[in-house]
């Protein structure tokens, strides 16, 4: 799996996971959903995403 595909998969997992946790465990998990959304929005404007930096450090290929 390449970097872009992995990033999209992780973002989708985080969003769906935090929505499920917010529904079944505690509504505070919706804040994590908002954090992921804000991070995706800021990365669209700044072309920098912390998760990409982490994945590159872990050796995921472009």
PDB file of N, CA and C in Angstrom:
ATOM      1  N   UNK A   1       0.863  -1.173   0.000  1.00  0.00           N
ATOM      2  CA  UNK A   1       0.000   0.000   0.000  1.00  0.00           C
ATOM      3  C   UNK A   1       0.908   1.234   0.000  1.00  0.00           C
ATOM      4  N   UNK A   2       0.569   2.187  -0.833  1.00  0.00           N
ATOM      5  CA  UNK A   2       1.359   3.404  -0.929  1.00  0.00           C
ATOM      6  C   UNK A   2       0.920   4.420   0.116  1.00  0.00           C
ATOM      7  N   UNK A   3       1.699   5.504   0.230  1.00  0.00           N
ATOM      8  CA  UNK A   3       1.503   6.510   1.264  1.00  0.00           C
ATOM      9  C   UNK A   3       0.118   7.152   1.197  1.00  0.00           C
ATOM     10  N   UNK A   4      -0.296   7.597   0.012  1.00  0.00           N
ATOM     11  CA  UNK A   4      -1.596   8.268  -0.119  1.00  0.00           C
ATOM     12  C   UNK A   4      -2.752   7.344   0.242  1.00  0.00           C
ATOM     13  N   UNK A   5      -2.661   6.110  -0.218  1.00  0.00           N
ATOM     14  CA  UNK A   5      -3.726   5.146   0.085  1.00  0.00           C
ATOM     15  C   UNK A   5      -3.790   4.832   1.576  1.00  0.00           C
ATOM     16  N   UNK A   6      -2.602   4.708   2.185  1.00  0.00           N
ATOM     17  CA  UNK A   6      -2.566   4.421   3.613  1.00  0.00           C
ATOM     18  C   UNK A   6      -3.123   5.601   4.413  1.00  0.00           C
ATOM     19  N   UNK A   7      -2.777   6.812   4.008  1.00  0.00           N
ATOM     20  CA  UNK A   7      -3.276   7.999   4.699  1.00  0.00           C
ATOM     21  C   UNK A   7      -4.801   8.078   4.635  1.00  0.00           C
ATOM     22  N   UNK A   8      -5.371   7.843   3.474  1.00  0.00           N
ATOM     23  CA  UNK A   8      -6.833   7.865   3.340  1.00  0.00           C
ATOM     24  C   UNK A   8      -7.484   6.772   4.171  1.00  0.00           C
ATOM     25  N   UNK A   9      -6.871   5.600   4.197  1.00  0.00           N
ATOM     26  CA  UNK A   9      -7.406   4.502   4.995  1.00  0.00           C
ATOM     27  C   UNK A   9      -7.378   4.807   6.489  1.00  0.00           C
ATOM     28  N   UNK A  10      -6.283   5.385   6.954  1.00  0.00           N
ATOM     29  CA  UNK A  10      -6.164   5.734   8.368  1.00  0.00           C
ATOM     30  C   UNK A  10      -7.182   6.807   8.732  1.00  0.00           C
ATOM     31  N   UNK A  11      -7.320   7.833   7.886  1.00  0.00           N
ATOM     32  CA  UNK A  11      -8.289   8.904   8.159  1.00  0.00           C
ATOM     33  C   UNK A  11      -9.709   8.344   8.210  1.00  0.00           C
ATOM     34  N   UNK A  12     -10.050   7.485   7.258  1.00  0.00           N
ATOM     35  CA  UNK A  12     -11.377   6.878   7.259  1.00  0.00           C
ATOM     36  C   UNK A  12     -11.620   6.029   8.488  1.00  0.00           C
ATOM     37  N   UNK A  13     -10.617   5.249   8.890  1.00  0.00           N
ATOM     38  CA  UNK A  13     -10.730   4.419  10.084  1.00  0.00           C
ATOM     39  C   UNK A  13     -10.923   5.283  11.329  1.00  0.00           C
ATOM     40  N   UNK A  14     -10.135   6.376  11.433  1.00  0.00           N
ATOM     41  CA  UNK A  14     -10.266   7.268  12.585  1.00  0.00           C
ATOM     42  C   UNK A  14     -11.648   7.907  12.646  1.00  0.00           C
ATOM     43  N   UNK A  15     -12.166   8.353  11.509  1.00  0.00           N
ATOM     44  CA  UNK A  15     -13.479   8.995  11.496  1.00  0.00           C
ATOM     45  C   UNK A  15     -14.570   7.997  11.877  1.00  0.00           C
ATOM     46  N   UNK A  16     -14.582   6.848  11.214  1.00  0.00           N
ATOM     47  CA  UNK A  16     -15.624   5.857  11.517  1.00  0.00           C
ATOM     48  C   UNK A  16     -15.489   5.310  12.935  1.00  0.00           C
ATOM     49  N   UNK A  17     -14.258   5.079  13.373  1.00  0.00           N
ATOM     50  CA  UNK A  17     -14.042   4.581  14.727  1.00  0.00           C
ATOM     51  C   UNK A  17     -14.486   5.569  15.788  1.00  0.00           C
ATOM     52  N   UNK A  18     -14.148   6.842  15.597  1.00  0.00           N
ATOM     53  CA  UNK A  18     -14.538   7.838  16.601  1.00  0.00           C
ATOM     54  C   UNK A  18     -16.045   8.099  16.578  1.00  0.00           C
ATOM     55  N   UNK A  19     -16.673   7.983  15.419  1.00  0.00           N
ATOM     56  CA  UNK A  19     -18.138   8.102  15.375  1.00  0.00           C
ATOM     57  C   UNK A  19     -18.798   6.949  16.136  1.00  0.00           C
ATOM     58  N   UNK A  20     -18.283   5.746  15.942  1.00  0.00           N
ATOM     59  CA  UNK A  20     -18.835   4.590  16.661  1.00  0.00           C
ATOM     60  C   UNK A  20     -18.616   4.734  18.169  1.00  0.00           C
ATOM     61  N   UNK A  21     -17.414   5.147  18.566  1.00  0.00           N
ATOM     62  CA  UNK A  21     -17.142   5.330  19.992  1.00  0.00           C
ATOM     63  C   UNK A  21     -18.006   6.448  20.577  1.00  0.00           C
ATOM     64  N   UNK A  22     -18.223   7.505  19.814  1.00  0.00           N
ATOM     65  CA  UNK A  22     -19.073   8.590  20.280  1.00  0.00           C
ATOM     66  C   UNK A  22     -20.516   8.152  20.462  1.00  0.00           C
ATOM     67  N   UNK A  23     -20.957   7.257  19.617  1.00  0.00           N
ATOM     68  CA  UNK A  23     -22.343   6.777  19.696  1.00  0.00           C
ATOM     69  C   UNK A  23     -22.529   5.778  20.833  1.00  0.00           C
ATOM     70  N   UNK A  24     -21.582   4.824  20.957  1.00  0.00           N
ATOM     71  CA  UNK A  24     -21.784   3.725  21.902  1.00  0.00           C
ATOM     72  C   UNK A  24     -21.065   3.888  23.237  1.00  0.00           C
ATOM     73  N   UNK A  25     -20.030   4.728  23.291  1.00  0.00           N
ATOM     74  CA  UNK A  25     -19.259   4.822  24.524  1.00  0.00           C
ATOM     75  C   UNK A  25     -19.481   6.160  25.223  1.00  0.00           C
ATOM     76  N   UNK A  26     -19.064   7.252  24.569  1.00  0.00           N
ATOM     77  CA  UNK A  26     -19.174   8.576  25.186  1.00  0.00           C
ATOM     78  C   UNK A  26     -19.140   9.635  24.091  1.00  0.00           C
ATOM     79  N   UNK A  27     -20.032  10.622  24.159  1.00  0.00           N
ATOM     80  CA  UNK A  27     -20.075  11.663  23.122  1.00  0.00           C
ATOM     81  C   UNK A  27     -18.789  12.482  23.002  1.00  0.00           C
ATOM     82  N   UNK A  28     -17.924  12.428  23.986  1.00  0.00           N
ATOM     83  CA  UNK A  28     -16.660  13.156  23.905  1.00  0.00           C
ATOM     84  C   UNK A  28     -15.774  12.687  22.755  1.00  0.00           C
ATOM     85  N   UNK A  29     -15.985  11.463  22.284  1.00  0.00           N
ATOM     86  CA  UNK A  29     -15.200  10.960  21.158  1.00  0.00           C
ATOM     87  C   UNK A  29     -15.507  11.710  19.863  1.00  0.00           C
ATOM     88  N   UNK A  30     -16.614  12.423  19.807  1.00  0.00           N
ATOM     89  CA  UNK A  30     -16.909  13.233  18.616  1.00  0.00           C
ATOM     90  C   UNK A  30     -15.880  14.345  18.443  1.00  0.00           C
ATOM     91  N   UNK A  31     -15.227  14.739  19.519  1.00  0.00           N
ATOM     92  CA  UNK A  31     -14.173  15.744  19.406  1.00  0.00           C
ATOM     93  C   UNK A  31     -13.002  15.214  18.583  1.00  0.00           C
ATOM     94  N   UNK A  32     -12.722  13.931  18.680  1.00  0.00           N
ATOM     95  CA  UNK A  32     -11.666  13.341  17.859  1.00  0.00           C
ATOM     96  C   UNK A  32     -12.062  13.367  16.388  1.00  0.00           C
ATOM     97  N   UNK A  33     -13.335  13.135  16.101  1.00  0.00           N
ATOM     98  CA  UNK A  33     -13.819  13.234  14.723  1.00  0.00           C
ATOM     99  C   UNK A  33     -13.594  14.640  14.197  1.00  0.00           C
ATOM    100  N   UNK A  34     -13.905  15.641  15.003  1.00  0.00           N
ATOM    101  CA  UNK A  34     -13.691  17.034  14.597  1.00  0.00           C
ATOM    102  C   UNK A  34     -12.207  17.316  14.396  1.00  0.00           C
ATOM    103  N   UNK A  35     -11.352  16.766  15.249  1.00  0.00           N
ATOM    104  CA  UNK A  35      -9.912  16.961  15.113  1.00  0.00           C
ATOM    105  C   UNK A  35      -9.407  16.397  13.794  1.00  0.00           C
ATOM    106  N   UNK A  36      -9.855  15.208  13.430  1.00  0.00           N
ATOM    107  CA  UNK A  36      -9.433  14.596  12.167  1.00  0.00           C
ATOM    108  C   UNK A  36      -9.906  15.447  10.990  1.00  0.00           C
ATOM    109  N   UNK A  37     -11.148  15.912  11.054  1.00  0.00           N
ATOM    110  CA  UNK A  37     -11.668  16.757   9.983  1.00  0.00           C
ATOM    111  C   UNK A  37     -10.901  18.063   9.850  1.00  0.00           C
ATOM    112  N   UNK A  38     -10.593  18.693  10.972  1.00  0.00           N
ATOM    113  CA  UNK A  38      -9.813  19.931  10.928  1.00  0.00           C
ATOM    114  C   UNK A  38      -8.404  19.691  10.404  1.00  0.00           C
ATOM    115  N   UNK A  39      -7.814  18.568  10.765  1.00  0.00           N
ATOM    116  CA  UNK A  39      -6.487  18.239  10.259  1.00  0.00           C
ATOM    117  C   UNK A  39      -6.515  18.026   8.751  1.00  0.00           C
ATOM    118  N   UNK A  40      -7.536  17.353   8.253  1.00  0.00           N
ATOM    119  CA  UNK A  40      -7.664  17.164   6.804  1.00  0.00           C
ATOM    120  C   UNK A  40      -7.850  18.504   6.091  1.00  0.00           C
ATOM    121  N   UNK A  41      -8.619  19.381   6.689  1.00  0.00           N
ATOM    122  CA  UNK A  41      -8.844  20.697   6.100  1.00  0.00           C
ATOM    123  C   UNK A  41      -7.564  21.526   6.079  1.00  0.00           C
ATOM    124  N   UNK A  42      -6.836  21.558   7.193  1.00  0.00           N
ATOM    125  CA  UNK A  42      -5.609  22.353   7.216  1.00  0.00           C
ATOM    126  C   UNK A  42      -4.569  21.775   6.274  1.00  0.00           C
ATOM    127  N   UNK A  43      -4.520  20.460   6.116  1.00  0.00           N
ATOM    128  CA  UNK A  43      -3.531  19.875   5.213  1.00  0.00           C
ATOM    129  C   UNK A  43      -3.846  20.191   3.752  1.00  0.00           C
ATOM    130  N   UNK A  44      -5.112  20.433   3.452  1.00  0.00           N
ATOM    131  CA  UNK A  44      -5.466  20.828   2.087  1.00  0.00           C
ATOM    132  C   UNK A  44      -4.908  22.205   1.753  1.00  0.00           C
ATOM    133  N   UNK A  45      -4.790  23.073   2.751  1.00  0.00           N
ATOM    134  CA  UNK A  45      -4.299  24.425   2.512  1.00  0.00           C
ATOM    135  C   UNK A  45      -2.790  24.558   2.708  1.00  0.00           C
ATOM    136  N   UNK A  46      -2.219  23.786   3.624  1.00  0.00           N
ATOM    137  CA  UNK A  46      -0.795  23.936   3.930  1.00  0.00           C
ATOM    138  C   UNK A  46       0.079  22.887   3.257  1.00  0.00           C
ATOM    139  N   UNK A  47      -0.531  21.844   2.703  1.00  0.00           N
ATOM    140  CA  UNK A  47       0.198  20.722   2.082  1.00  0.00           C
ATOM    141  C   UNK A  47       1.126  20.028   3.080  1.00  0.00           C
ATOM    142  N   UNK A  48       0.773  20.037   4.352  1.00  0.00           N
ATOM    143  CA  UNK A  48       1.529  19.339   5.386  1.00  0.00           C
ATOM    144  C   UNK A  48       0.563  18.592   6.292  1.00  0.00           C
ATOM    145  N   UNK A  49       0.853  17.340   6.525  1.00  0.00           N
ATOM    146  CA  UNK A  49       0.018  16.511   7.393  1.00  0.00           C
ATOM    147  C   UNK A  49       0.930  15.755   8.355  1.00  0.00           C
ATOM    148  N   UNK A  50       0.676  15.846   9.647  1.00  0.00           N
ATOM    149  CA  UNK A  50       1.520  15.137  10.617  1.00  0.00           C
ATOM    150  C   UNK A  50       1.549  13.619  10.393  1.00  0.00           C
ATOM    151  N   UNK A  51       0.446  13.050   9.951  1.00  0.00           N
ATOM    152  CA  UNK A  51       0.405  11.598   9.737  1.00  0.00           C
ATOM    153  C   UNK A  51       1.326  11.190   8.589  1.00  0.00           C
ATOM    154  N   UNK A  52       1.441  12.022   7.560  1.00  0.00           N
ATOM    155  CA  UNK A  52       2.363  11.710   6.461  1.00  0.00           C
ATOM    156  C   UNK A  52       3.802  11.705   6.971  1.00  0.00           C
ATOM    157  N   UNK A  53       4.132  12.667   7.821  1.00  0.00           N
ATOM    158  CA  UNK A  53       5.483  12.703   8.398  1.00  0.00           C
ATOM    159  C   UNK A  53       5.751  11.440   9.207  1.00  0.00           C
ATOM    160  N   UNK A  54       4.773  10.991   9.968  1.00  0.00           N
ATOM    161  CA  UNK A  54       4.915   9.783  10.770  1.00  0.00           C
ATOM    162  C   UNK A  54       5.060   8.550   9.879  1.00  0.00           C
ATOM    163  N   UNK A  55       4.242   8.463   8.848  1.00  0.00           N
ATOM    164  CA  UNK A  55       4.312   7.299   7.948  1.00  0.00           C
ATOM    165  C   UNK A  55       5.642   7.257   7.210  1.00  0.00           C
ATOM    166  N   UNK A  56       6.146   8.413   6.791  1.00  0.00           N
ATOM    167  CA  UNK A  56       7.453   8.449   6.125  1.00  0.00           C
ATOM    168  C   UNK A  56       8.553   8.003   7.085  1.00  0.00           C
ATOM    169  N   UNK A  57       8.469   8.426   8.345  1.00  0.00           N
ATOM    170  CA  UNK A  57       9.458   8.010   9.330  1.00  0.00           C
ATOM    171  C   UNK A  57       9.410   6.508   9.582  1.00  0.00           C
ATOM    172  N   UNK A  58       8.234   5.922   9.394  1.00  0.00           N
ATOM    173  CA  UNK A  58       8.085   4.482   9.571  1.00  0.00           C
ATOM    174  C   UNK A  58       8.492   3.694   8.325  1.00  0.00           C
ATOM    175  N   UNK A  59       8.834   4.418   7.244  1.00  0.00           N
ATOM    176  CA  UNK A  59       9.348   3.770   6.052  1.00  0.00           C
ATOM    177  C   UNK A  59       8.318   3.429   4.999  1.00  0.00           C
ATOM    178  N   UNK A  60       7.136   4.016   5.059  1.00  0.00           N
ATOM    179  CA  UNK A  60       6.130   3.762   4.031  1.00  0.00           C
ATOM    180  C   UNK A  60       6.573   4.450   2.752  1.00  0.00           C
ATOM    181  N   UNK A  61       6.515   3.722   1.637  1.00  0.00           N
ATOM    182  CA  UNK A  61       6.994   4.282   0.374  1.00  0.00           C
ATOM    183  C   UNK A  61       5.949   5.185  -0.259  1.00  0.00           C
ATOM    184  N   UNK A  62       6.432   6.098  -1.062  1.00  0.00           N
ATOM    185  CA  UNK A  62       5.566   7.081  -1.731  1.00  0.00           C
ATOM    186  C   UNK A  62       4.666   6.391  -2.679  1.00  0.00           C
TER     187      UNK A  62
END
